[in-house]
Amino acid sequence: METVRIALSRRRRRSLHLGLAVLTLTLGLIALFVLPGAYAHSTSSGRTATTVLAGIWLPTAFYVMNRANGTTTLTPAGMRIRTVVSRRLIPWHTVTRVEAQRRTGRGGVAWYVARAHLVHGRPVVLPGALADGRQDEEFRAAVEAVERYWERARP
C-alpha cells in the first residue's frame, strides 16, 4: 500500500493564516487603544479586560494553527500524526472507528474534524482533515481515505 498524506491545501492554510492575522491584529488594536479608554473613568483597569481577551483569543488561535498546519500520513504501520507541537504513530490495530464530527462554537459557528477512536483511550482528532461550516469534497475525500486504508490494514 502506498503512503497517503492528508493535509490542508496551501490555499486553505493561507486563508486561515490571513484570517487569524487580521483577527489578531484587530483584537490587539482594540486591547491597546479602545479598552484602556473605555475603562479610564472607572475603578478597574483596562489591563484586566485586555488580559481576559488575550487569555481567550491566544489559545483559540493556537488550536486553529495547530490543526491547520498538522498532517496525517497513512502508512502500512498506522497513522503518523504531526502537529506543531507533537508527533505520534497510531497503529491500525488500535483504531476501532473513524468518523467525521461536527463541532459548534459559541455563536453557532460550526466546523468538521475527522476523529479516530482508539481501543484504549479517547478519540484522536486527525490534523489536516478540517472543514468549515459544511463538509467539502476535500474533507470527505480525506475521511474516506482514512476509512479505506483502515479497512485494508485490519486483520
C-alpha atoms as a PDB file:
ATOM      1  CA  MET A   1       0.000   0.000   0.000  1.00  0.00           C
ATOM      2  CA  GLU A   2       1.264   3.461  -0.859  1.00  0.00           C
ATOM      3  CA  THR A   3       1.669   6.243   1.676  1.00  0.00           C
ATOM      4  CA  VAL A   4      -1.137   8.821   1.700  1.00  0.00           C
ATOM      5  CA  ARG A   5      -0.628  12.292   3.180  1.00  0.00           C
ATOM      6  CA  ILE A   6      -3.639  14.247   4.416  1.00  0.00           C
ATOM      7  CA  ALA A   7      -3.148  17.979   4.866  1.00  0.00           C
ATOM      8  CA  LEU A   8      -4.991  21.190   4.133  1.00  0.00           C
ATOM      9  CA  SER A   9      -4.252  22.670   0.749  1.00  0.00           C
ATOM     10  CA  ARG A  10      -1.814  25.566   0.584  1.00  0.00           C
ATOM     11  CA  ARG A  11      -4.661  27.897  -0.382  1.00  0.00           C
ATOM     12  CA  ARG A  12      -6.799  26.925   2.634  1.00  0.00           C
ATOM     13  CA  ARG A  13      -3.822  27.238   5.001  1.00  0.00           C
ATOM     14  CA  ARG A  14      -3.042  30.710   3.648  1.00  0.00           C
ATOM     15  CA  SER A  15      -6.666  31.716   4.040  1.00  0.00           C
ATOM     16  CA  LEU A  16      -6.685  30.534   7.682  1.00  0.00           C
ATOM     17  CA  HIS A  17      -3.375  32.282   8.389  1.00  0.00           C
ATOM     18  CA  LEU A  18      -4.634  35.534   6.863  1.00  0.00           C
ATOM     19  CA  GLY A  19      -7.900  35.376   8.790  1.00  0.00           C
ATOM     20  CA  LEU A  20      -6.093  34.717  12.065  1.00  0.00           C
ATOM     21  CA  ALA A  21      -3.616  37.538  11.392  1.00  0.00           C
ATOM     22  CA  VAL A  22      -6.403  40.044  10.686  1.00  0.00           C
ATOM     23  CA  LEU A  23      -8.401  38.999  13.764  1.00  0.00           C
ATOM     24  CA  THR A  24      -5.309  39.041  15.988  1.00  0.00           C
ATOM     25  CA  LEU A  25      -4.299  42.489  14.746  1.00  0.00           C
ATOM     26  CA  THR A  26      -7.834  43.807  15.210  1.00  0.00           C
ATOM     27  CA  LEU A  27      -8.146  42.401  18.730  1.00  0.00           C
ATOM     28  CA  GLY A  28      -4.661  43.662  19.594  1.00  0.00           C
ATOM     29  CA  LEU A  29      -5.535  47.189  18.461  1.00  0.00           C
ATOM     30  CA  ILE A  30      -8.765  47.062  20.451  1.00  0.00           C
ATOM     31  CA  ALA A  31      -6.842  45.880  23.521  1.00  0.00           C
ATOM     32  CA  LEU A  32      -4.221  48.633  23.123  1.00  0.00           C
ATOM     33  CA  PHE A  33      -6.361  51.621  22.232  1.00  0.00           C
ATOM     34  CA  VAL A  34     -10.068  51.058  22.906  1.00  0.00           C
ATOM     35  CA  LEU A  35     -10.169  49.142  26.188  1.00  0.00           C
ATOM     36  CA  PRO A  36      -7.886  51.487  28.197  1.00  0.00           C
ATOM     37  CA  GLY A  37     -10.017  54.464  27.132  1.00  0.00           C
ATOM     38  CA  ALA A  38     -13.241  52.658  27.955  1.00  0.00           C
ATOM     39  CA  TYR A  39     -12.006  51.901  31.465  1.00  0.00           C
ATOM     40  CA  ALA A  40     -10.307  55.288  32.075  1.00  0.00           C
ATOM     41  CA  HIS A  41     -13.109  56.661  34.276  1.00  0.00           C
ATOM     42  CA  SER A  42     -13.744  53.513  36.308  1.00  0.00           C
ATOM     43  CA  THR A  43     -12.009  51.890  39.235  1.00  0.00           C
ATOM     44  CA  SER A  44     -10.973  48.791  37.257  1.00  0.00           C
ATOM     45  CA  SER A  45      -8.271  48.974  34.672  1.00  0.00           C
ATOM     46  CA  GLY A  46      -8.290  48.098  31.011  1.00  0.00           C
ATOM     47  CA  ARG A  47      -5.476  45.652  31.746  1.00  0.00           C
ATOM     48  CA  THR A  48      -7.941  43.188  33.229  1.00  0.00           C
ATOM     49  CA  ALA A  49     -10.102  43.236  30.119  1.00  0.00           C
ATOM     50  CA  THR A  50      -7.011  43.016  27.902  1.00  0.00           C
ATOM     51  CA  THR A  51      -5.721  40.019  29.878  1.00  0.00           C
ATOM     52  CA  VAL A  52      -9.073  38.247  29.606  1.00  0.00           C
ATOM     53  CA  LEU A  53      -9.203  38.986  25.875  1.00  0.00           C
ATOM     54  CA  ALA A  54      -5.685  37.601  25.366  1.00  0.00           C
ATOM     55  CA  GLY A  55      -6.439  34.599  27.592  1.00  0.00           C
ATOM     56  CA  ILE A  56      -9.365  33.617  25.400  1.00  0.00           C
ATOM     57  CA  TRP A  57      -8.013  34.529  21.964  1.00  0.00           C
ATOM     58  CA  LEU A  58      -4.471  33.154  22.108  1.00  0.00           C
ATOM     59  CA  PRO A  59      -5.451  29.529  22.923  1.00  0.00           C
ATOM     60  CA  THR A  60      -8.104  29.667  20.200  1.00  0.00           C
ATOM     61  CA  ALA A  61      -5.612  30.921  17.624  1.00  0.00           C
ATOM     62  CA  PHE A  62      -3.084  28.257  18.685  1.00  0.00           C
ATOM     63  CA  TYR A  63      -5.718  25.494  18.328  1.00  0.00           C
ATOM     64  CA  VAL A  64      -6.568  26.598  14.788  1.00  0.00           C
ATOM     65  CA  MET A  65      -2.890  26.910  13.774  1.00  0.00           C
ATOM     66  CA  ASN A  66      -2.081  23.501  15.255  1.00  0.00           C
ATOM     67  CA  ARG A  67      -4.918  21.803  13.341  1.00  0.00           C
ATOM     68  CA  ALA A  68      -4.341  23.705  10.093  1.00  0.00           C
ATOM     69  CA  ASN A  69      -0.583  23.083   9.905  1.00  0.00           C
ATOM     70  CA  GLY A  70      -0.747  19.460  11.054  1.00  0.00           C
ATOM     71  CA  THR A  71      -0.696  16.419   8.790  1.00  0.00           C
ATOM     72  CA  THR A  72      -1.862  12.839   8.957  1.00  0.00           C
ATOM     73  CA  THR A  73       0.165  10.328   6.959  1.00  0.00           C
ATOM     74  CA  LEU A  74      -1.351   6.914   6.334  1.00  0.00           C
ATOM     75  CA  THR A  75       1.258   4.134   6.241  1.00  0.00           C
ATOM     76  CA  PRO A  76       1.002   0.320   6.402  1.00  0.00           C
ATOM     77  CA  ALA A  77       2.105   0.502  10.065  1.00  0.00           C
ATOM     78  CA  GLY A  78      -0.523   3.074  11.079  1.00  0.00           C
ATOM     79  CA  MET A  79      -1.303   6.782  11.058  1.00  0.00           C
ATOM     80  CA  ARG A  80       1.569   9.224  11.599  1.00  0.00           C
ATOM     81  CA  ILE A  81       0.164  12.374  13.137  1.00  0.00           C
ATOM     82  CA  ARG A  82       2.252  15.555  13.070  1.00  0.00           C
ATOM     83  CA  THR A  83       1.218  18.834  14.603  1.00  0.00           C
ATOM     84  CA  VAL A  84       3.169  21.925  15.533  1.00  0.00           C
ATOM     85  CA  VAL A  85       3.967  20.522  18.995  1.00  0.00           C
ATOM     86  CA  SER A  86       3.707  16.727  18.728  1.00  0.00           C
ATOM     87  CA  ARG A  87       4.473  13.608  16.692  1.00  0.00           C
ATOM     88  CA  ARG A  88       2.626  10.329  17.126  1.00  0.00           C
ATOM     89  CA  LEU A  89       2.185   6.952  15.443  1.00  0.00           C
ATOM     90  CA  ILE A  90      -1.172   5.251  15.903  1.00  0.00           C
ATOM     91  CA  PRO A  91      -1.045   1.573  14.826  1.00  0.00           C
ATOM     92  CA  TRP A  92      -4.030   0.370  12.789  1.00  0.00           C
ATOM     93  CA  HIS A  93      -4.861  -2.426  15.251  1.00  0.00           C
ATOM     94  CA  THR A  94      -5.638   0.194  17.938  1.00  0.00           C
ATOM     95  CA  VAL A  95      -8.219   2.034  15.789  1.00  0.00           C
ATOM     96  CA  THR A  96     -11.837   0.945  16.327  1.00  0.00           C
ATOM     97  CA  ARG A  97     -13.690   3.556  14.266  1.00  0.00           C
ATOM     98  CA  VAL A  98     -13.139   6.613  12.067  1.00  0.00           C
ATOM     99  CA  GLU A  99     -15.735   9.390  11.895  1.00  0.00           C
ATOM    100  CA  ALA A 100     -16.391  12.964  10.824  1.00  0.00           C
ATOM    101  CA  GLN A 101     -17.586  15.026  13.775  1.00  0.00           C
ATOM    102  CA  ARG A 102     -19.426  18.341  13.641  1.00  0.00           C
ATOM    103  CA  ARG A 103     -18.300  20.813  16.279  1.00  0.00           C
ATOM    104  CA  THR A 104     -20.054  24.030  17.174  1.00  0.00           C
ATOM    105  CA  GLY A 105     -18.517  27.018  18.895  1.00  0.00           C
ATOM    106  CA  ARG A 106     -20.130  29.936  20.625  1.00  0.00           C
ATOM    107  CA  GLY A 107     -22.337  31.925  18.331  1.00  0.00           C
ATOM    108  CA  GLY A 108     -23.262  28.878  16.280  1.00  0.00           C
ATOM    109  CA  VAL A 109     -20.102  28.719  14.160  1.00  0.00           C
ATOM    110  CA  ALA A 110     -19.640  25.098  13.054  1.00  0.00           C
ATOM    111  CA  TRP A 111     -16.727  23.133  11.630  1.00  0.00           C
ATOM    112  CA  TYR A 112     -15.930  19.479  10.979  1.00  0.00           C
ATOM    113  CA  VAL A 113     -12.979  17.399  12.150  1.00  0.00           C
ATOM    114  CA  ALA A 114     -12.045  13.771  11.469  1.00  0.00           C
ATOM    115  CA  ARG A 115     -11.570  11.572  14.538  1.00  0.00           C
ATOM    116  CA  ALA A 116     -10.125   8.110  15.074  1.00  0.00           C
ATOM    117  CA  HIS A 117     -11.495   6.196  18.047  1.00  0.00           C
ATOM    118  CA  LEU A 118      -8.890   4.039  19.778  1.00  0.00           C
ATOM    119  CA  VAL A 119      -9.206   0.773  21.705  1.00  0.00           C
ATOM    120  CA  HIS A 120      -7.806   2.291  24.904  1.00  0.00           C
ATOM    121  CA  GLY A 121      -8.288   5.995  25.408  1.00  0.00           C
ATOM    122  CA  ARG A 122     -10.190   8.854  23.984  1.00  0.00           C
ATOM    123  CA  PRO A 123     -10.671   9.709  20.305  1.00  0.00           C
ATOM    124  CA  VAL A 124      -7.840  11.431  18.462  1.00  0.00           C
ATOM    125  CA  VAL A 125      -8.575  14.360  16.153  1.00  0.00           C
ATOM    126  CA  LEU A 126      -6.723  13.867  12.858  1.00  0.00           C
ATOM    127  CA  PRO A 127      -4.885  17.021  11.801  1.00  0.00           C
ATOM    128  CA  GLY A 128      -5.103  18.060   8.183  1.00  0.00           C
ATOM    129  CA  ALA A 129      -8.736  16.929   7.901  1.00  0.00           C
ATOM    130  CA  LEU A 130     -10.658  20.079   8.757  1.00  0.00           C
ATOM    131  CA  ALA A 131     -13.685  21.663   7.103  1.00  0.00           C
ATOM    132  CA  ASP A 132     -15.581  24.892   7.583  1.00  0.00           C
ATOM    133  CA  GLY A 133     -19.338  25.002   8.199  1.00  0.00           C
ATOM    134  CA  ARG A 134     -20.049  22.309   5.619  1.00  0.00           C
ATOM    135  CA  GLN A 135     -18.236  19.168   4.551  1.00  0.00           C
ATOM    136  CA  ASP A 136     -16.495  19.897   1.254  1.00  0.00           C
ATOM    137  CA  GLU A 137     -15.101  17.374  -1.227  1.00  0.00           C
ATOM    138  CA  GLU A 138     -11.539  17.661   0.099  1.00  0.00           C
ATOM    139  CA  PHE A 139     -12.664  16.841   3.641  1.00  0.00           C
ATOM    140  CA  ARG A 140     -14.905  13.943   2.604  1.00  0.00           C
ATOM    141  CA  ALA A 141     -12.091  12.512   0.461  1.00  0.00           C
ATOM    142  CA  ALA A 142      -9.703  12.671   3.434  1.00  0.00           C
ATOM    143  CA  VAL A 143     -12.132  10.852   5.754  1.00  0.00           C
ATOM    144  CA  GLU A 144     -12.872   8.216   3.095  1.00  0.00           C
ATOM    145  CA  ALA A 145      -9.127   7.685   2.509  1.00  0.00           C
ATOM    146  CA  VAL A 146      -8.572   7.023   6.225  1.00  0.00           C
ATOM    147  CA  GLU A 147     -11.546   4.625   6.313  1.00  0.00           C
ATOM    148  CA  ARG A 148     -10.366   2.711   3.208  1.00  0.00           C
ATOM    149  CA  TYR A 149      -6.811   2.473   4.492  1.00  0.00           C
ATOM    150  CA  TRP A 150      -8.018   1.297   7.903  1.00  0.00           C
ATOM    151  CA  GLU A 151     -10.286  -1.355   6.310  1.00  0.00           C
ATOM    152  CA  ARG A 152      -7.375  -2.703   4.219  1.00  0.00           C
ATOM    153  CA  ALA A 153      -4.962  -2.705   7.160  1.00  0.00           C
ATOM    154  CA  ARG A 154      -7.270  -4.569   9.563  1.00  0.00           C
ATOM    155  CA  PRO A 155      -6.583  -8.286  10.010  1.00  0.00           C
END
